């Protein structure tokens, strides 16, 4: 296969986002916007991929830190797309082949489309091929002008187009294939004699035509793919399309979604077959969910590993947690990072956990906080139990052995250990270790004063 490289333009600030964060770093379906066209180029076989960066350059580089196929080129001043590509030349030194030129604000671009574009370009031995789309309302886009043979003769920006050219509905996506020899020899010849006084990459088309080189256009059937994101409304539109694609893939793989339009799943989430997801669920952070699970309405899951047969009930929030098989959580439970629940554990309503290992078959059914604790198998945690893990300076650990029964309204003041098969009576404050097979009870003696209420009315 012929060598392929990609240049992704990502130097601009994106002032219409009205943000302190540059445009390409805004998230769409769980990834920074720029990660989508980079992933599409990578899947289409591009290596290396050159990012042309400027504003917040370090943050953009940080998105791809450690990626061996990524190179960066700095555009100190943003003087147009032609200038941006010229800035990438040094990073492409020695490359020979086809160069894809992409925009960092096009998250809907599919790798299949880039693969088709590269094939079309190669099959016709073109010097330049433009990806286009036909739009009912092309306002704001550059128009693609073709000759009688269908070859591209020029691309005219909206501000520079005459009335006849503005009637053209085929628009330039800003995405190109170019032969490296042509690109390297001609990019510095692009001028800025236009309304914006910028160096337009589109002028390379006119240069190719002037040299009698083959200059073509390939139209994509889905105009959504080439949609550039310029403001928050367009970002929301793009994210909606991405989520629709993601949800469709999951459903075709055997996942049931009661209402896909009200189900929010980010890129990188894995879900097993026969899992049912109810509306208004938010699942992200590379979460893995097994088969045969049920995720009820209003659940939020991030960066979790959930085994087969789990039941996450309404309104629960799960972060950075691992659930083994057949675990039940909620409703209205909160699993914080570091929680690990082994098989057949039950976490009930209004229970919060953090940095807890809970053994098989154990349960905490309601109104409980368990933090920095190791809990054995078949343990019952009564309503209102608290592990008092923080002394104001340091966190301390609670250990509860297998088969322990913790009554309601118990406070376990860490560091403390409750031995296996012990019972802690309701209302007890545990401040010392409890030996195995013991009863722990610590209450203030009850005093009843007969007639007191009548005398003090």
Protein backbone atom coordinates (compact mmCIF):
# COMPACT_ATOMS: atom_id res chain seq x y z
CA UNK A 1 0.00 0.00 0.00
CA UNK A 2 1.24 3.47 -0.87
CA UNK A 3 2.52 5.53 2.05
CA UNK A 4 -0.07 7.78 3.63
CA UNK A 5 0.37 10.71 5.99
CA UNK A 6 -2.12 13.13 7.50
CA UNK A 7 -1.99 16.78 8.50
CA UNK A 8 -4.64 17.83 11.02
CA UNK A 9 -5.21 21.56 11.42
CA UNK A 10 -5.73 22.41 15.09
CA UNK A 11 -4.03 25.74 15.77
CA UNK A 12 -7.05 28.03 16.00
CA UNK A 13 -8.67 29.30 19.18
CA UNK A 14 -12.31 29.03 18.10
CA UNK A 15 -13.62 32.34 19.45
CA UNK A 16 -17.25 31.47 18.75
CA UNK A 17 -17.08 28.78 21.43
CA UNK A 18 -16.88 31.65 23.97
CA UNK A 19 -14.53 29.55 26.05
CA UNK A 20 -11.19 29.62 27.82
CA UNK A 21 -10.56 26.21 26.22
CA UNK A 22 -9.70 26.08 22.53
CA UNK A 23 -12.30 24.62 20.23
CA UNK A 24 -10.68 21.28 19.37
CA UNK A 25 -10.32 20.33 23.04
CA UNK A 26 -14.05 20.49 23.75
CA UNK A 27 -15.42 17.00 24.31
CA UNK A 28 -17.84 15.21 22.00
CA UNK A 29 -19.17 11.83 23.16
CA UNK A 30 -16.32 11.30 25.58
CA UNK A 31 -13.33 12.40 23.48
CA UNK A 32 -11.76 15.78 22.75
CA UNK A 33 -13.04 16.88 19.37
CA UNK A 34 -9.64 16.59 17.73
CA UNK A 35 -9.33 12.92 18.74
CA UNK A 36 -12.07 11.96 16.28
CA UNK A 37 -10.41 13.05 12.98
CA UNK A 38 -7.06 11.78 14.26
CA UNK A 39 -8.61 8.37 14.92
CA UNK A 40 -10.24 8.40 11.48
CA UNK A 41 -6.91 9.18 9.80
CA UNK A 42 -5.17 6.46 11.79
CA UNK A 43 -7.79 3.86 10.81
CA UNK A 44 -7.42 4.93 7.18
CA UNK A 45 -3.73 4.02 7.37
CA UNK A 46 -2.09 7.42 7.86
CA UNK A 47 1.33 7.37 9.54
CA UNK A 48 2.70 9.83 10.49
CA UNK A 49 -0.06 12.20 11.58
CA UNK A 50 1.06 15.80 11.95
CA UNK A 51 -0.91 18.11 14.23
CA UNK A 52 -0.59 21.78 13.36
CA UNK A 53 -0.96 23.46 16.74
CA UNK A 54 -0.90 27.00 18.08
CA UNK A 55 -3.22 28.10 20.87
CA UNK A 56 -2.87 25.96 24.01
CA UNK A 57 -0.34 23.79 22.18
CA UNK A 58 0.76 21.91 25.29
CA UNK A 59 -2.80 20.85 26.07
CA UNK A 60 -3.35 19.56 22.53
CA UNK A 61 -0.09 17.63 22.66
CA UNK A 62 -1.15 16.16 26.00
CA UNK A 63 -4.15 14.48 24.42
CA UNK A 64 -1.81 12.33 22.32
CA UNK A 65 1.14 11.95 24.66
CA UNK A 66 2.88 8.65 24.03
CA UNK A 67 1.34 8.09 20.58
CA UNK A 68 4.23 7.11 18.32
CA UNK A 69 2.54 8.14 15.07
CA UNK A 70 1.85 11.73 16.17
CA UNK A 71 4.11 14.64 15.27
CA UNK A 72 3.47 18.31 16.01
CA UNK A 73 4.16 21.48 14.05
CA UNK A 74 3.73 24.96 15.51
CA UNK A 75 1.77 27.71 13.74
CA UNK A 76 2.65 30.82 15.73
CA UNK A 77 0.33 33.10 13.75
CA UNK A 78 -2.93 31.84 12.26
CA UNK A 79 -2.72 33.18 8.71
CA UNK A 80 -5.02 30.69 6.97
CA UNK A 81 -5.17 27.04 6.03
CA UNK A 82 -2.45 27.31 3.39
CA UNK A 83 -0.08 28.80 5.93
CA UNK A 84 -1.01 26.07 8.45
CA UNK A 85 -0.12 23.29 6.02
CA UNK A 86 3.14 25.04 5.13
CA UNK A 87 4.03 24.93 8.83
CA UNK A 88 3.76 21.12 8.69
CA UNK A 89 6.38 20.65 5.96
CA UNK A 90 9.35 20.17 8.25
CA UNK A 91 7.48 17.49 10.21
CA UNK A 92 6.89 15.66 6.91
CA UNK A 93 10.48 15.92 5.71
CA UNK A 94 11.44 12.82 3.74
CA UNK A 95 7.86 11.59 3.33
CA UNK A 96 6.78 10.40 -0.12
CA UNK A 97 3.21 9.38 -0.83
CA UNK A 98 -0.29 10.76 -0.32
CA UNK A 99 -1.06 13.40 2.28
CA UNK A 100 -4.51 13.69 3.85
CA UNK A 101 -5.32 17.19 5.07
CA UNK A 102 -8.03 17.30 7.73
CA UNK A 103 -9.61 19.82 10.07
CA UNK A 104 -9.46 19.27 13.81
CA UNK A 105 -13.07 20.39 14.28
CA UNK A 106 -14.75 17.65 12.17
CA UNK A 107 -15.58 14.91 14.70
CA UNK A 108 -18.16 13.21 12.46
CA UNK A 109 -15.70 12.21 9.73
CA UNK A 110 -15.67 8.42 9.29
CA UNK A 111 -12.53 6.39 8.57
CA UNK A 112 -14.42 4.56 5.81
CA UNK A 113 -14.92 7.87 4.01
CA UNK A 114 -11.21 8.66 4.17
CA UNK A 115 -10.40 5.17 2.89
CA UNK A 116 -12.77 5.72 -0.05
CA UNK A 117 -11.26 9.14 -0.70
CA UNK A 118 -7.74 7.74 -0.77
CA UNK A 119 -8.79 4.95 -3.15
CA UNK A 120 -10.61 7.38 -5.46
CA UNK A 121 -7.59 9.66 -5.46
CA UNK A 122 -5.18 6.83 -6.26
CA UNK A 123 -7.37 5.14 -8.86
CA UNK A 124 -7.55 8.38 -10.88
CA UNK A 125 -3.88 9.33 -10.43
CA UNK A 126 -4.93 12.74 -9.15
CA UNK A 127 -2.60 15.40 -7.80
CA UNK A 128 -5.40 16.85 -5.66
CA UNK A 129 -8.72 15.37 -4.61
CA UNK A 130 -11.25 17.34 -2.59
CA UNK A 131 -13.90 15.75 -0.37
CA UNK A 132 -17.19 17.55 -1.00
CA UNK A 133 -20.85 17.38 -0.10
CA UNK A 134 -24.04 18.68 -1.69
CA UNK A 135 -26.07 20.84 0.69
CA UNK A 136 -29.51 22.41 0.41
CA UNK A 137 -28.18 25.52 2.13
CA UNK A 138 -24.48 25.93 1.34
CA UNK A 139 -24.18 29.39 2.91
CA UNK A 140 -20.81 29.99 4.54
CA UNK A 141 -18.98 27.22 2.70
CA UNK A 142 -16.55 27.45 -0.20
CA UNK A 143 -18.12 26.39 -3.50
CA UNK A 144 -16.60 23.72 -5.77
CA UNK A 145 -16.48 24.77 -9.44
CA UNK A 146 -16.19 21.93 -11.99
CA UNK A 147 -15.64 21.88 -15.75
CA UNK A 148 -17.73 20.01 -18.30
CA UNK A 149 -15.75 16.82 -17.58
CA UNK A 150 -16.41 16.97 -13.86
CA UNK A 151 -12.89 17.99 -12.93
CA UNK A 152 -12.43 20.70 -10.35
CA UNK A 153 -11.27 24.03 -11.74
CA UNK A 154 -11.33 26.11 -8.56
CA UNK A 155 -12.80 26.48 -5.10
CA UNK A 156 -14.28 29.87 -4.25
CA UNK A 157 -14.81 31.03 -0.68
CA UNK A 158 -18.23 32.43 0.23
CA UNK A 159 -16.92 35.99 0.63
CA UNK A 160 -15.16 35.87 -2.75
CA UNK A 161 -17.93 34.11 -4.74
CA UNK A 162 -19.98 35.96 -7.35
CA UNK A 163 -23.79 35.44 -7.47
CA UNK A 164 -23.55 32.57 -9.97
CA UNK A 165 -20.93 30.77 -7.88
CA UNK A 166 -23.00 31.27 -4.73
CA UNK A 167 -25.80 29.28 -6.38
CA UNK A 168 -23.56 26.18 -6.48
CA UNK A 169 -24.66 23.62 -3.86
CA UNK A 170 -21.53 21.45 -3.87
CA UNK A 171 -19.32 22.66 -1.05
CA UNK A 172 -15.72 22.18 0.00
CA UNK A 173 -15.30 20.19 3.20
CA UNK A 174 -11.75 21.41 3.82
CA UNK A 175 -10.57 17.79 3.55
CA UNK A 176 -8.09 16.90 0.81
CA UNK A 177 -5.83 14.24 -0.63
CA UNK A 178 -2.66 15.58 -2.20
CA UNK A 179 0.40 13.97 -3.65
CA UNK A 180 3.35 14.90 -1.48
CA UNK A 181 5.55 16.03 -4.38
CA UNK A 182 2.92 18.47 -5.63
CA UNK A 183 2.13 19.70 -2.11
CA UNK A 184 5.75 20.28 -1.11
CA UNK A 185 6.61 22.01 -4.39
CA UNK A 186 3.65 24.37 -4.42
CA UNK A 187 2.38 25.14 -0.92
CA UNK A 188 4.72 28.11 -0.51
CA UNK A 189 3.43 29.58 -3.76
CA UNK A 190 -0.02 30.23 -2.28
CA UNK A 191 -0.75 33.96 -1.98
CA UNK A 192 -3.16 35.99 0.13
CA UNK A 193 -4.86 38.19 -2.48
CA UNK A 194 -8.39 37.73 -1.20
CA UNK A 195 -11.01 39.42 0.99
CA UNK A 196 -9.56 37.93 4.19
CA UNK A 197 -5.91 38.42 3.24
CA UNK A 198 -5.26 34.83 4.28
CA UNK A 199 -3.37 32.02 2.60
CA UNK A 200 -6.07 29.67 1.40
CA UNK A 201 -5.27 26.01 0.89
CA UNK A 202 -7.92 26.05 -1.81
CA UNK A 203 -5.57 28.07 -4.05
CA UNK A 204 -3.58 24.87 -4.56
CA UNK A 205 -6.47 23.67 -6.70
CA UNK A 206 -5.96 26.58 -9.09
CA UNK A 207 -2.23 25.90 -9.11
CA UNK A 208 -2.83 22.24 -10.00
CA UNK A 209 -5.23 23.22 -12.77
CA UNK A 210 -2.71 25.72 -14.12
CA UNK A 211 -0.11 22.96 -14.32
CA UNK A 212 -2.66 20.72 -16.12
CA UNK A 213 -2.60 18.20 -13.29
CA UNK A 214 -5.60 16.05 -12.42
CA UNK A 215 -7.75 17.79 -9.80
CA UNK A 216 -10.89 15.92 -8.71
CA UNK A 217 -13.67 15.95 -6.14
CA UNK A 218 -15.39 13.07 -4.39
CA UNK A 219 -18.76 13.79 -2.83
CA UNK A 220 -19.82 12.08 0.38
CA UNK A 221 -23.41 10.93 0.63
CA UNK A 222 -23.69 12.05 4.26
CA UNK A 223 -23.17 15.80 4.56
CA UNK A 224 -23.10 15.45 8.36
CA UNK A 225 -19.65 13.90 8.11
CA UNK A 226 -17.94 17.07 7.00
CA UNK A 227 -19.74 19.36 9.43
CA UNK A 228 -17.29 21.68 11.13
CA UNK A 229 -18.00 22.64 14.74
CA UNK A 230 -17.73 26.37 15.41
CA UNK A 231 -19.94 26.98 18.44
CA UNK A 232 -21.59 25.14 21.32
CA UNK A 233 -24.83 24.56 19.44
CA UNK A 234 -22.96 22.80 16.63
CA UNK A 235 -20.96 20.85 19.21
CA UNK A 236 -24.21 19.55 20.70
CA UNK A 237 -25.46 18.62 17.22
CA UNK A 238 -22.25 16.72 16.48
CA UNK A 239 -22.32 14.92 19.84
CA UNK A 240 -25.90 13.86 19.17
CA UNK A 241 -24.87 12.28 15.86
CA UNK A 242 -21.91 10.52 17.48
CA UNK A 243 -24.06 9.11 20.28
CA UNK A 244 -26.60 7.90 17.75
CA UNK A 245 -23.84 6.01 15.91
CA UNK A 246 -22.47 4.59 19.17
CA UNK A 247 -25.89 3.46 20.37
CA UNK A 248 -26.67 1.84 17.05
CA UNK A 249 -23.48 -0.23 17.20
CA UNK A 250 -24.34 -1.44 20.69
CA UNK A 251 -27.89 -2.35 19.70
CA UNK A 252 -26.69 -4.25 16.64
CA UNK A 253 -24.41 -6.17 19.02
CA UNK A 254 -27.31 -7.31 21.20
CA UNK A 255 -27.85 -4.50 23.73
CA UNK A 256 -31.41 -3.35 24.39
CA UNK A 257 -32.01 0.38 24.82
CA UNK A 258 -35.52 1.34 25.84
CA UNK A 259 -35.06 4.81 24.32
CA UNK A 260 -31.78 5.29 22.43
CA UNK A 261 -32.37 9.03 22.03
CA UNK A 262 -32.34 9.38 25.82
CA UNK A 263 -29.32 7.12 26.40
CA UNK A 264 -25.89 8.76 26.61
CA UNK A 265 -22.96 6.40 26.00
CA UNK A 266 -19.46 7.68 25.31
CA UNK A 267 -16.86 6.33 22.92
CA UNK A 268 -14.87 3.41 24.32
CA UNK A 269 -17.64 1.81 26.39
CA UNK A 270 -18.09 -1.98 26.04
CA UNK A 271 -21.46 -3.61 26.77
CA UNK A 272 -22.33 -7.31 26.63
CA UNK A 273 -25.32 -8.81 24.86
CA UNK A 274 -28.74 -9.04 26.53
CA UNK A 275 -28.01 -6.08 28.76
CA UNK A 276 -30.97 -3.71 29.06
CA UNK A 277 -30.44 0.03 29.46
CA UNK A 278 -33.30 2.29 30.51
CA UNK A 279 -33.63 5.98 29.54
CA UNK A 280 -31.53 8.85 30.84
CA UNK A 281 -28.47 6.73 31.65
CA UNK A 282 -24.99 8.21 31.25
CA UNK A 283 -22.17 5.71 30.69
CA UNK A 284 -18.58 6.77 29.97
CA UNK A 285 -14.94 6.63 30.94
CA UNK A 286 -14.15 3.38 29.12
CA UNK A 287 -16.64 1.43 31.24
CA UNK A 288 -17.03 -2.30 30.58
CA UNK A 289 -20.45 -3.84 31.29
CA UNK A 290 -21.06 -7.57 31.05
CA UNK A 291 -23.92 -9.58 29.58
CA UNK A 292 -27.42 -9.86 30.98
CA UNK A 293 -27.24 -6.74 33.13
CA UNK A 294 -30.03 -4.25 33.77
CA UNK A 295 -29.25 -0.56 34.09
CA UNK A 296 -32.31 1.32 35.31
CA UNK A 297 -33.25 4.91 34.55
CA UNK A 298 -31.13 7.82 35.69
CA UNK A 299 -27.97 5.82 36.37
CA UNK A 300 -24.54 7.41 35.89
CA UNK A 301 -21.52 5.11 35.37
CA UNK A 302 -17.95 6.20 34.73
CA UNK A 303 -14.72 4.19 34.51
CA UNK A 304 -16.22 0.99 35.95
CA UNK A 305 -15.94 -2.75 35.35
CA UNK A 306 -19.29 -4.48 35.78
CA UNK A 307 -19.68 -8.26 35.56
CA UNK A 308 -22.45 -10.35 34.07
CA UNK A 309 -25.92 -10.33 35.55
CA UNK A 310 -25.60 -7.13 37.58
CA UNK A 311 -28.59 -4.95 38.38
CA UNK A 312 -27.96 -1.21 38.79
CA UNK A 313 -31.12 0.39 40.09
CA UNK A 314 -32.52 3.85 39.42
CA UNK A 315 -30.60 6.98 40.29
CA UNK A 316 -27.34 5.29 41.30
CA UNK A 317 -23.91 6.79 40.61
CA UNK A 318 -20.89 4.52 40.04
CA UNK A 319 -17.34 5.84 39.62
CA UNK A 320 -14.07 3.93 39.31
CA UNK A 321 -15.56 0.73 40.74
CA UNK A 322 -15.45 -2.98 39.97
CA UNK A 323 -18.48 -5.24 40.31
CA UNK A 324 -18.22 -9.00 39.93
CA UNK A 325 -21.15 -11.17 38.80
CA UNK A 326 -24.76 -10.83 39.99
CA UNK A 327 -24.25 -7.70 42.08
CA UNK A 328 -27.23 -5.46 42.91
CA UNK A 329 -26.74 -1.75 43.52
CA UNK A 330 -29.28 0.90 44.50
CA UNK A 331 -31.60 2.57 44.04
CA UNK A 332 -29.91 5.89 44.80
CA UNK A 333 -26.57 4.35 45.80
CA UNK A 334 -23.16 5.95 45.28
CA UNK A 335 -20.09 3.82 44.60
CA UNK A 336 -17.00 6.00 44.72
CA UNK A 337 -13.55 5.13 43.29
CA UNK A 338 -11.79 2.11 44.71
CA UNK A 339 -14.95 0.13 45.42
CA UNK A 340 -14.81 -3.59 44.60
CA UNK A 341 -17.92 -5.71 45.12
CA UNK A 342 -17.51 -9.45 44.71
CA UNK A 343 -20.24 -11.74 43.39
CA UNK A 344 -23.77 -11.63 44.85
CA UNK A 345 -23.12 -8.49 46.91
CA UNK A 346 -26.09 -6.22 47.55
CA UNK A 347 -25.72 -2.47 48.00
CA UNK A 348 -29.10 -0.89 48.76
CA UNK A 349 -30.67 2.54 48.64
CA UNK A 350 -28.72 5.53 49.92
CA UNK A 351 -25.56 3.52 50.58
CA UNK A 352 -22.20 5.16 49.83
CA UNK A 353 -18.93 3.26 49.44
CA UNK A 354 -15.35 4.39 48.89
CA UNK A 355 -12.16 2.28 48.72
CA UNK A 356 -14.05 -0.78 49.93
CA UNK A 357 -13.53 -4.46 49.17
CA UNK A 358 -16.75 -6.33 49.93
CA UNK A 359 -16.73 -10.13 49.92
CA UNK A 360 -19.09 -12.50 48.18
CA UNK A 361 -22.67 -12.53 49.45
CA UNK A 362 -22.31 -9.54 51.75
CA UNK A 363 -24.92 -6.80 51.88
CA UNK A 364 -25.51 -3.27 53.05
CA UNK A 365 -29.15 -2.64 52.35
CA UNK A 366 -29.70 1.02 53.20
CA UNK A 367 -28.52 4.33 54.62
CA UNK A 368 -24.90 3.39 55.22
CA UNK A 369 -21.40 4.80 54.61
CA UNK A 370 -18.54 2.35 54.10
CA UNK A 371 -15.12 3.89 53.45
CA UNK A 372 -11.57 2.52 53.59
CA UNK A 373 -12.79 -0.91 54.60
CA UNK A 374 -12.18 -4.58 53.92
CA UNK A 375 -15.35 -6.59 54.43
CA UNK A 376 -15.46 -10.38 54.27
CA UNK A 377 -17.97 -12.86 52.89
CA UNK A 378 -21.62 -13.13 54.01
CA UNK A 379 -21.48 -10.00 56.15
CA UNK A 380 -24.67 -8.12 57.00
CA UNK A 381 -24.27 -4.36 57.45
CA UNK A 382 -27.26 -2.87 59.27
CA UNK A 383 -29.07 0.36 58.44
CA UNK A 384 -27.24 3.54 59.44
CA UNK A 385 -23.80 1.97 59.87
CA UNK A 386 -20.79 4.25 59.46
CA UNK A 387 -17.11 3.45 59.17
CA UNK A 388 -15.52 6.46 60.86
CA UNK A 389 -12.40 6.44 58.71
CA UNK A 390 -11.10 10.01 59.05
CA UNK A 391 -9.70 11.51 62.24
CA UNK A 392 -9.25 14.99 60.79
CA UNK A 393 -5.65 14.32 59.72
CA UNK A 394 -5.38 10.77 58.32
CA UNK A 395 -7.62 8.06 56.90
CA UNK A 396 -7.80 4.73 58.77
CA UNK A 397 -8.95 1.26 57.76
CA UNK A 398 -11.76 -0.95 59.06
CA UNK A 399 -11.57 -4.75 58.68
CA UNK A 400 -14.68 -6.91 59.10
CA UNK A 401 -14.29 -10.69 58.99
CA UNK A 402 -16.47 -13.31 57.28
CA UNK A 403 -19.94 -13.95 58.63
CA UNK A 404 -20.13 -10.83 60.82
CA UNK A 405 -23.50 -9.27 61.64
CA UNK A 406 -23.42 -5.50 62.15
CA UNK A 407 -26.60 -4.16 63.73
CA UNK A 408 -28.28 -0.88 62.86
CA UNK A 409 -26.81 2.50 63.77
CA UNK A 410 -23.30 1.20 64.47
CA UNK A 411 -20.22 3.41 64.30
CA UNK A 412 -16.92 1.65 63.61
CA UNK A 413 -14.15 4.02 64.67
CA UNK A 414 -11.11 3.08 62.60
CA UNK A 415 -8.55 1.65 62.81
CA UNK A 416 -10.55 -1.28 64.06
CA UNK A 417 -11.05 -4.98 63.29
CA UNK A 418 -14.18 -7.05 63.86
CA UNK A 419 -13.32 -10.76 63.97
CA UNK A 420 -15.14 -13.39 61.94
CA UNK A 421 -18.58 -14.61 63.00
CA UNK A 422 -19.05 -11.79 65.54
CA UNK A 423 -22.16 -9.73 66.19
CA UNK A 424 -22.12 -6.01 66.88
CA UNK A 425 -25.29 -4.91 68.60
CA UNK A 426 -27.42 -2.06 67.28
CA UNK A 427 -26.40 1.36 68.48
CA UNK A 428 -22.85 0.32 69.35
CA UNK A 429 -19.82 2.56 68.90
CA UNK A 430 -16.88 0.23 68.28
CA UNK A 431 -13.56 1.74 69.36
CA UNK A 432 -11.58 -1.45 70.05
CA UNK A 433 -11.03 -4.67 68.12
CA UNK A 434 -13.73 -7.32 68.47
CA UNK A 435 -12.44 -10.92 68.77
CA UNK A 436 -13.92 -13.65 66.54
CA UNK A 437 -17.21 -15.30 67.61
CA UNK A 438 -18.01 -12.47 70.03
CA UNK A 439 -20.82 -10.06 70.86
CA UNK A 440 -19.85 -6.39 71.00
CA UNK A 441 -22.23 -4.01 72.72
CA UNK A 442 -21.49 -0.47 73.87
CA UNK A 443 -24.49 1.59 74.92
CA UNK A 444 -25.23 4.16 77.60
CA UNK A 445 -27.55 2.45 80.11
CA UNK A 446 -31.20 3.35 79.57
CA UNK A 447 -32.90 5.24 82.39
CA UNK A 448 -36.70 5.47 82.60
CA UNK A 449 -38.11 8.17 84.94
CA UNK A 450 -41.73 7.33 85.55
CA UNK A 451 -44.12 10.31 85.47
CA UNK A 452 -41.43 12.80 84.39
CA UNK A 453 -43.40 13.95 81.35
CA UNK A 454 -46.50 14.74 83.41
CA UNK A 455 -44.53 16.72 85.97
CA UNK A 456 -42.75 18.81 83.32
CA UNK A 457 -45.61 19.67 80.96
